[in-house]
C-alpha atoms as a PDB file:
ATOM      1  CA  UNK A   1     -11.631   4.688  15.521  1.00  0.00           C
ATOM      2  CA  UNK A   2     -14.652   7.025  15.718  1.00  0.00           C
ATOM      3  CA  UNK A   3     -17.664   5.848  13.740  1.00  0.00           C
ATOM      4  CA  UNK A   4     -17.501   8.650  11.142  1.00  0.00           C
ATOM      5  CA  UNK A   5     -13.826   7.961  10.468  1.00  0.00           C
ATOM      6  CA  UNK A   6     -14.574   4.248  10.174  1.00  0.00           C
ATOM      7  CA  UNK A   7     -17.179   4.880   7.477  1.00  0.00           C
ATOM      8  CA  UNK A   8     -14.892   7.318   5.662  1.00  0.00           C
ATOM      9  CA  UNK A   9     -12.034   4.794   5.785  1.00  0.00           C
ATOM     10  CA  UNK A  10     -14.289   2.080   4.374  1.00  0.00           C
ATOM     11  CA  UNK A  11     -15.345   4.299   1.462  1.00  0.00           C
ATOM     12  CA  UNK A  12     -11.745   5.340   0.822  1.00  0.00           C
ATOM     13  CA  UNK A  13     -10.660   1.687   0.850  1.00  0.00           C
ATOM     14  CA  UNK A  14     -13.413   0.808  -1.636  1.00  0.00           C
ATOM     15  CA  UNK A  15     -12.292   3.642  -3.943  1.00  0.00           C
ATOM     16  CA  UNK A  16      -8.664   2.525  -3.592  1.00  0.00           C
ATOM     17  CA  UNK A  17      -9.612  -1.082  -4.452  1.00  0.00           C
ATOM     18  CA  UNK A  18     -11.490   0.097  -7.548  1.00  0.00           C
ATOM     19  CA  UNK A  19      -8.464   2.109  -8.695  1.00  0.00           C
ATOM     20  CA  UNK A  20      -6.160  -0.815  -7.903  1.00  0.00           C
ATOM     21  CA  UNK A  21      -8.332  -3.142  -9.978  1.00  0.00           C
ATOM     22  CA  UNK A  22      -8.061  -0.752 -12.937  1.00  0.00           C
ATOM     23  CA  UNK A  23      -4.284  -0.575 -12.649  1.00  0.00           C
ATOM     24  CA  UNK A  24      -3.646  -4.298 -12.266  1.00  0.00           C
ATOM     25  CA  UNK A  25      -6.443  -5.909 -14.284  1.00  0.00           C
ATOM     26  CA  UNK A  26      -6.750  -3.803 -17.432  1.00  0.00           C
ATOM     27  CA  UNK A  27      -5.362  -5.387 -20.590  1.00  0.00           C
ATOM     28  CA  UNK A  28      -1.774  -4.264 -21.216  1.00  0.00           C
ATOM     29  CA  UNK A  29      -2.578  -1.755 -23.965  1.00  0.00           C
ATOM     30  CA  UNK A  30      -5.196   0.086 -21.857  1.00  0.00           C
ATOM     31  CA  UNK A  31      -3.132  -0.221 -18.670  1.00  0.00           C
ATOM     32  CA  UNK A  32      -0.235   1.570 -20.358  1.00  0.00           C
ATOM     33  CA  UNK A  33      -2.311   4.772 -20.284  1.00  0.00           C
ATOM     34  CA  UNK A  34      -2.473   4.433 -16.495  1.00  0.00           C
ATOM     35  CA  UNK A  35       1.028   3.089 -15.837  1.00  0.00           C
ATOM     36  CA  UNK A  36       2.932   4.831 -18.633  1.00  0.00           C
ATOM     37  CA  UNK A  37       4.782   6.916 -16.061  1.00  0.00           C
ATOM     38  CA  UNK A  38       7.211   4.005 -15.533  1.00  0.00           C
ATOM     39  CA  UNK A  39       8.686   4.536 -18.994  1.00  0.00           C
ATOM     40  CA  UNK A  40       8.740   8.315 -18.590  1.00  0.00           C
ATOM     41  CA  UNK A  41      10.667   8.093 -15.304  1.00  0.00           C
ATOM     42  CA  UNK A  42      13.004   5.437 -16.718  1.00  0.00           C
ATOM     43  CA  UNK A  43      13.701   7.679 -19.735  1.00  0.00           C
ATOM     44  CA  UNK A  44      14.476  10.577 -17.392  1.00  0.00           C
ATOM     45  CA  UNK A  45      16.820   8.420 -15.289  1.00  0.00           C
ATOM     46  CA  UNK A  46      18.582   7.178 -18.412  1.00  0.00           C
ATOM     47  CA  UNK A  47      19.477  10.795 -19.270  1.00  0.00           C
ATOM     48  CA  UNK A  48      21.384  10.815 -15.966  1.00  0.00           C
ATOM     49  CA  UNK A  49      23.403   7.771 -16.982  1.00  0.00           C
ATOM     50  CA  UNK A  50      21.298   4.969 -15.523  1.00  0.00           C
ATOM     51  CA  UNK A  51      20.772   2.015 -17.856  1.00  0.00           C
ATOM     52  CA  UNK A  52      17.246   2.318 -19.308  1.00  0.00           C
ATOM     53  CA  UNK A  53      16.215  -1.302 -18.617  1.00  0.00           C
ATOM     54  CA  UNK A  54      17.564  -1.255 -15.063  1.00  0.00           C
ATOM     55  CA  UNK A  55      15.851   2.066 -14.355  1.00  0.00           C
ATOM     56  CA  UNK A  56      12.563   0.719 -15.714  1.00  0.00           C
ATOM     57  CA  UNK A  57      12.780  -2.382 -13.520  1.00  0.00           C
ATOM     58  CA  UNK A  58      13.630  -0.322 -10.422  1.00  0.00           C
ATOM     59  CA  UNK A  59      10.803   2.164 -11.042  1.00  0.00           C
ATOM     60  CA  UNK A  60       8.317  -0.657 -11.653  1.00  0.00           C
ATOM     61  CA  UNK A  61       9.379  -2.509  -8.483  1.00  0.00           C
ATOM     62  CA  UNK A  62       9.260   0.685  -6.408  1.00  0.00           C
ATOM     63  CA  UNK A  63       5.869   1.689  -7.778  1.00  0.00           C
ATOM     64  CA  UNK A  64       4.468  -1.745  -6.898  1.00  0.00           C
ATOM     65  CA  UNK A  65       5.624  -1.197  -3.328  1.00  0.00           C
ATOM     66  CA  UNK A  66       4.043   2.274  -3.220  1.00  0.00           C
ATOM     67  CA  UNK A  67       0.857   0.929  -4.828  1.00  0.00           C
ATOM     68  CA  UNK A  68       0.312  -1.525  -1.967  1.00  0.00           C
ATOM     69  CA  UNK A  69       1.206   0.699   1.016  1.00  0.00           C
ATOM     70  CA  UNK A  70      -2.412   1.949   1.203  1.00  0.00           C
ATOM     71  CA  UNK A  71      -3.621  -1.664   1.001  1.00  0.00           C
ATOM     72  CA  UNK A  72      -1.704  -2.579   4.153  1.00  0.00           C
ATOM     73  CA  UNK A  73      -2.659   0.660   5.880  1.00  0.00           C
ATOM     74  CA  UNK A  74      -6.368   0.177   5.194  1.00  0.00           C
ATOM     75  CA  UNK A  75      -6.200  -3.465   6.293  1.00  0.00           C
ATOM     76  CA  UNK A  76      -4.692  -2.413   9.635  1.00  0.00           C
ATOM     77  CA  UNK A  77      -7.055   0.541  10.072  1.00  0.00           C
ATOM     78  CA  UNK A  78     -10.192  -1.438   9.327  1.00  0.00           C
ATOM     79  CA  UNK A  79      -9.315  -4.719  11.059  1.00  0.00           C
ATOM     80  CA  UNK A  80     -10.021  -5.397  14.708  1.00  0.00           C
ATOM     81  CA  UNK A  81      -6.909  -4.804  16.855  1.00  0.00           C
ATOM     82  CA  UNK A  82      -6.885  -8.463  17.955  1.00  0.00           C
ATOM     83  CA  UNK A  83      -5.945  -9.568  14.398  1.00  0.00           C
ATOM     84  CA  UNK A  84      -2.149  -9.874  14.315  1.00  0.00           C
ATOM     85  CA  UNK A  85      -0.190  -7.803  11.840  1.00  0.00           C
ATOM     86  CA  UNK A  86       1.482 -10.867  10.326  1.00  0.00           C
ATOM     87  CA  UNK A  87      -1.940 -12.157   9.265  1.00  0.00           C
ATOM     88  CA  UNK A  88      -2.710  -8.868   7.505  1.00  0.00           C
ATOM     89  CA  UNK A  89       0.687  -9.001   5.814  1.00  0.00           C
ATOM     90  CA  UNK A  90      -0.060 -12.548   4.663  1.00  0.00           C
ATOM     91  CA  UNK A  91      -3.340 -11.185   3.288  1.00  0.00           C
ATOM     92  CA  UNK A  92      -1.290  -8.863   1.091  1.00  0.00           C
ATOM     93  CA  UNK A  93       0.681 -11.810  -0.232  1.00  0.00           C
ATOM     94  CA  UNK A  94      -2.483 -13.792  -0.971  1.00  0.00           C
ATOM     95  CA  UNK A  95      -4.122 -10.803  -2.675  1.00  0.00           C
ATOM     96  CA  UNK A  96      -1.041 -10.107  -4.768  1.00  0.00           C
ATOM     97  CA  UNK A  97      -0.754 -13.772  -5.768  1.00  0.00           C
ATOM     98  CA  UNK A  98      -4.427 -13.788  -6.779  1.00  0.00           C
ATOM     99  CA  UNK A  99      -3.862 -10.675  -8.910  1.00  0.00           C
ATOM    100  CA  UNK A 100      -0.893 -12.291 -10.647  1.00  0.00           C
ATOM    101  CA  UNK A 101      -2.915 -15.453 -11.331  1.00  0.00           C
ATOM    102  CA  UNK A 102      -5.790 -13.423 -12.774  1.00  0.00           C
ATOM    103  CA  UNK A 103      -3.323 -11.540 -14.975  1.00  0.00           C
ATOM    104  CA  UNK A 104      -2.472 -14.854 -16.636  1.00  0.00           C
ATOM    105  CA  UNK A 105      -5.748 -14.576 -18.569  1.00  0.00           C
ATOM    106  CA  UNK A 106      -5.687 -10.803 -19.160  1.00  0.00           C
ATOM    107  CA  UNK A 107      -4.454 -10.014 -22.701  1.00  0.00           C
ATOM    108  CA  UNK A 108      -0.906  -8.740 -22.794  1.00  0.00           C
ATOM    109  CA  UNK A 109      -0.338  -8.822 -19.033  1.00  0.00           C
ATOM    110  CA  UNK A 110       2.778 -10.469 -17.665  1.00  0.00           C
ATOM    111  CA  UNK A 111       2.971 -12.085 -14.253  1.00  0.00           C
ATOM    112  CA  UNK A 112       6.076 -11.941 -12.114  1.00  0.00           C
ATOM    113  CA  UNK A 113       7.212 -13.156  -8.730  1.00  0.00           C
ATOM    114  CA  UNK A 114       8.903  -9.777  -8.261  1.00  0.00           C
ATOM    115  CA  UNK A 115       5.433  -8.155  -8.347  1.00  0.00           C
ATOM    116  CA  UNK A 116       4.242 -10.410  -5.520  1.00  0.00           C
ATOM    117  CA  UNK A 117       7.380  -9.570  -3.529  1.00  0.00           C
ATOM    118  CA  UNK A 118       7.012  -5.814  -4.107  1.00  0.00           C
ATOM    119  CA  UNK A 119       3.271  -5.820  -3.386  1.00  0.00           C
ATOM    120  CA  UNK A 120       3.843  -7.781  -0.185  1.00  0.00           C
ATOM    121  CA  UNK A 121       6.567  -5.334   0.832  1.00  0.00           C
ATOM    122  CA  UNK A 122       4.129  -2.458   0.275  1.00  0.00           C
ATOM    123  CA  UNK A 123       1.487  -4.197   2.375  1.00  0.00           C
ATOM    124  CA  UNK A 124       4.033  -4.720   5.173  1.00  0.00           C
ATOM    125  CA  UNK A 125       5.024  -1.042   5.068  1.00  0.00           C
ATOM    126  CA  UNK A 126       1.354   0.017   5.263  1.00  0.00           C
ATOM    127  CA  UNK A 127       0.556  -2.293   8.189  1.00  0.00           C
ATOM    128  CA  UNK A 128       3.675  -1.195  10.088  1.00  0.00           C
ATOM    129  CA  UNK A 129       3.064   2.479   9.327  1.00  0.00           C
ATOM    130  CA  UNK A 130      -0.376   2.392  10.938  1.00  0.00           C
ATOM    131  CA  UNK A 131       0.973   0.395  13.898  1.00  0.00           C
ATOM    132  CA  UNK A 132       3.730   2.992  14.403  1.00  0.00           C
ATOM    133  CA  UNK A 133       1.313   5.896  14.071  1.00  0.00           C
ATOM    134  CA  UNK A 134      -0.988   4.305  16.651  1.00  0.00           C
ATOM    135  CA  UNK A 135       1.893   3.773  19.090  1.00  0.00           C
ATOM    136  CA  UNK A 136       3.078   7.329  18.575  1.00  0.00           C
ATOM    137  CA  UNK A 137      -0.464   8.601  19.183  1.00  0.00           C
ATOM    138  CA  UNK A 138      -0.827   6.444  22.300  1.00  0.00           C
ATOM    139  CA  UNK A 139       2.550   7.686  23.558  1.00  0.00           C
ATOM    140  CA  UNK A 140       1.518  11.320  22.972  1.00  0.00           C
ATOM    141  CA  UNK A 141      -1.756  10.711  24.787  1.00  0.00           C
ATOM    142  CA  UNK A 142       0.073   9.233  27.773  1.00  0.00           C
ATOM    143  CA  UNK A 143       2.547  12.107  27.867  1.00  0.00           C
ATOM    144  CA  UNK A 144      -0.302  14.604  27.750  1.00  0.00           C
ATOM    145  CA  UNK A 145      -2.043  12.846  30.631  1.00  0.00           C
ATOM    146  CA  UNK A 146       1.128  12.907  32.742  1.00  0.00           C
ATOM    147  CA  UNK A 147       1.910  16.564  31.994  1.00  0.00           C
ATOM    148  CA  UNK A 148      -1.551  17.889  32.758  1.00  0.00           C
ATOM    149  CA  UNK A 149      -1.654  19.327  36.217  1.00  0.00           C
ATOM    150  CA  UNK A 150      -4.137  17.515  38.352  1.00  0.00           C
ATOM    151  CA  UNK A 151      -6.925  19.629  39.626  1.00  0.00           C
ATOM    152  CA  UNK A 152      -6.956  19.357  43.347  1.00  0.00           C
ATOM    153  CA  UNK A 153      -8.971  21.328  45.793  1.00  0.00           C
ATOM    154  CA  UNK A 154      -7.039  23.238  48.349  1.00  0.00           C
END
């Protein structure tokens, strides 16, 4: 990755981590201002016949996945290529577990194994997404090199 992009990615990751900390570590009453969309979406889905509690659980699980996709993507982008993807994915599990343990002492927060599972899934998606984008880019580069007419002197 070019040096300027590396620095930009590091700053973006730092900003993402700060936002993530706000979402997952605020006491429940303050966090509701940030994560209140779960109830709004669940209410909307219940008007379409979905059970309110089931919709809320599905939206919460899905949003935990989405929340951690950037985590996995940044880990893959900013880690040396020699670090295997499985290790980065395990890093998502460790980070998520640490968050859940910290939430044990945050007023009103509830910990759940399903959060660790969803966060890990998001990390896996992010790591794989960057790996796929890199392969696609490498493939495009190779195709471009093959298609370019060689310049020969006649």
